[in-house]
Protein backbone atom coordinates (compact mmCIF):
# COMPACT_ATOMS: atom_id res chain seq x y z
CA GLN A 1 90.30 52.38 -28.43
CA VAL A 2 87.50 52.53 -26.68
CA GLN A 3 84.55 50.01 -27.10
CA LEU A 4 81.00 50.27 -26.05
CA VAL A 5 78.24 48.01 -25.88
CA GLU A 6 74.33 49.07 -25.24
CA SER A 7 72.12 46.09 -24.07
CA GLY A 8 68.32 46.77 -22.58
CA GLY A 9 66.14 47.24 -25.54
CA GLY A 10 62.91 45.77 -26.51
CA LEU A 11 59.58 45.76 -27.41
CA VAL A 12 57.00 47.77 -24.79
CA GLN A 13 53.61 49.25 -24.95
CA ALA A 14 52.92 52.65 -24.82
CA GLY A 15 53.16 54.67 -21.06
CA GLY A 16 55.92 51.68 -20.22
CA SER A 17 59.50 51.71 -19.67
CA LEU A 18 62.84 50.33 -20.40
CA ARG A 19 66.49 51.03 -18.91
CA LEU A 20 69.24 50.75 -21.24
CA SER A 21 72.92 50.59 -20.44
CA CYS A 22 76.16 51.24 -22.32
CA ALA A 23 79.21 49.40 -20.93
CA ALA A 24 82.57 50.75 -22.09
CA SER A 25 86.10 49.22 -22.21
CA GLY A 26 89.48 49.86 -23.17
CA GLY A 27 89.66 53.37 -21.76
CA THR A 28 89.21 55.49 -18.63
CA PHE A 29 85.51 55.82 -18.73
CA ARG A 30 85.81 58.85 -16.21
CA ASN A 31 87.21 60.94 -18.23
CA TYR A 32 84.47 60.85 -21.35
CA VAL A 33 81.53 62.90 -21.75
CA MET A 34 78.67 60.20 -22.50
CA GLY A 35 75.64 60.51 -24.71
CA TRP A 36 72.79 58.59 -26.04
CA PHE A 37 71.41 59.62 -29.56
CA ARG A 38 68.48 57.68 -31.47
CA GLN A 39 67.73 57.07 -34.87
CA ALA A 40 64.54 55.79 -36.01
CA PRO A 41 63.83 54.26 -39.78
CA GLY A 42 64.03 56.87 -42.34
CA LYS A 43 65.05 59.74 -40.07
CA GLU A 44 68.24 61.29 -39.14
CA ARG A 45 69.90 60.59 -35.94
CA GLU A 46 68.76 62.58 -33.05
CA PHE A 47 70.47 63.92 -29.69
CA VAL A 48 68.70 61.99 -26.49
CA ALA A 49 70.52 62.84 -23.31
CA ALA A 50 74.23 63.78 -22.44
CA ILE A 51 75.78 63.41 -19.09
CA SER A 52 79.41 65.30 -18.11
CA ARG A 53 82.15 63.71 -16.85
CA SER A 54 81.00 63.76 -13.22
CA GLY A 55 77.41 63.42 -14.01
CA GLY A 56 76.97 66.90 -12.61
CA GLY A 57 76.14 68.26 -15.85
CA ILE A 58 73.15 66.95 -17.83
CA LYS A 59 71.30 67.65 -21.06
CA TYR A 60 68.10 66.62 -22.70
CA ALA A 61 66.30 66.46 -25.72
CA ASP A 62 63.12 68.48 -25.53
CA SER A 63 60.85 65.51 -26.86
CA VAL A 64 62.00 63.41 -23.57
CA LYS A 65 62.63 65.73 -20.75
CA GLY A 66 60.66 64.66 -17.61
CA ARG A 67 60.30 61.38 -19.24
CA PHE A 68 64.10 59.99 -19.62
CA THR A 69 66.63 60.00 -17.00
CA ILE A 70 70.44 59.52 -18.11
CA SER A 71 72.84 58.46 -15.28
CA ARG A 72 76.19 57.34 -14.92
CA GLU A 73 78.41 55.13 -12.78
CA ASN A 74 81.95 55.65 -13.43
CA PRO A 75 83.20 52.85 -11.01
CA LYS A 76 81.37 50.17 -13.40
CA ASN A 77 82.25 52.02 -16.47
CA THR A 78 78.55 52.17 -17.28
CA VAL A 79 76.05 54.92 -18.21
CA ARG A 80 72.78 54.30 -18.57
CA LEU A 81 69.09 55.77 -19.66
CA GLN A 82 65.76 55.27 -17.79
CA MET A 83 62.95 55.70 -20.23
CA ASN A 84 59.45 56.12 -18.89
CA SER A 85 56.43 56.83 -20.16
CA LEU A 86 57.26 55.52 -23.27
CA LYS A 87 55.47 56.34 -26.53
CA PRO A 88 54.93 55.24 -29.97
CA GLU A 89 57.56 58.01 -31.33
CA ASP A 90 60.24 56.84 -29.11
CA THR A 91 60.77 54.07 -31.41
CA ALA A 92 64.43 53.99 -32.64
CA VAL A 93 67.69 52.65 -32.37
CA TYR A 94 69.68 54.14 -29.44
CA SER A 95 72.93 54.09 -29.28
CA CYS A 96 75.61 55.47 -26.87
CA ALA A 97 78.79 57.56 -27.56
CA ALA A 98 81.66 58.95 -25.80
CA ASP A 99 83.47 62.11 -26.26
CA VAL A 100 86.97 61.66 -25.17
CA SER A 101 88.43 65.11 -25.54
CA LEU A 102 88.27 65.81 -21.82
CA THR A 103 85.57 68.42 -22.68
CA VAL A 104 83.46 69.56 -19.75
CA ALA A 105 80.38 70.67 -20.89
CA PRO A 106 78.00 67.77 -22.58
CA SER A 107 77.20 68.42 -25.94
CA ARG A 108 74.09 67.57 -28.27
CA ASP A 109 76.20 67.66 -31.23
CA ALA A 110 76.74 64.09 -32.52
CA THR A 111 79.73 64.90 -34.31
CA GLN A 112 81.57 65.94 -30.66
CA TYR A 113 81.55 61.88 -30.07
CA ASP A 114 84.39 59.92 -31.06
CA TYR A 115 83.45 56.27 -30.44
CA TRP A 116 79.86 54.98 -30.98
CA GLY A 117 78.34 51.76 -30.07
CA GLN A 118 76.16 49.54 -31.94
CA GLY A 119 73.07 50.52 -31.07
CA THR A 120 69.91 48.52 -29.33
CA GLN A 121 66.20 48.75 -30.49
CA VAL A 122 63.66 49.95 -28.58
CA THR A 123 60.17 49.59 -30.19
CA VAL A 124 57.14 51.50 -28.31
CA SER A 125 53.57 49.86 -29.80
CA SER A 126 50.73 51.64 -29.06
């Protein structure tokens, strides 16, 4: 069983930055593709970013490309999301997810992920 715990959310003004972290336990972190997703009130969950097992493969949603950076530190079982130039439309609950299928390429498809964290709230004020 894999447990994922997010941290680092909060309230920030537009143009500001936040760094989210996701700590994994209960499995072999280096074998997992990791993803970040978000869900705003009244909207469907949407893909934000994903990173391959080694960190060499990365995908971003077009809406965050150039502003957000996903990274991972396998010895610390942690994946991070650095968010810069935040906009009010980035307001959402951000969740990390793990794909434990030993796939190579990171996926934008939420259904490919097996384990999810509880999420952390990010609120960007205008």
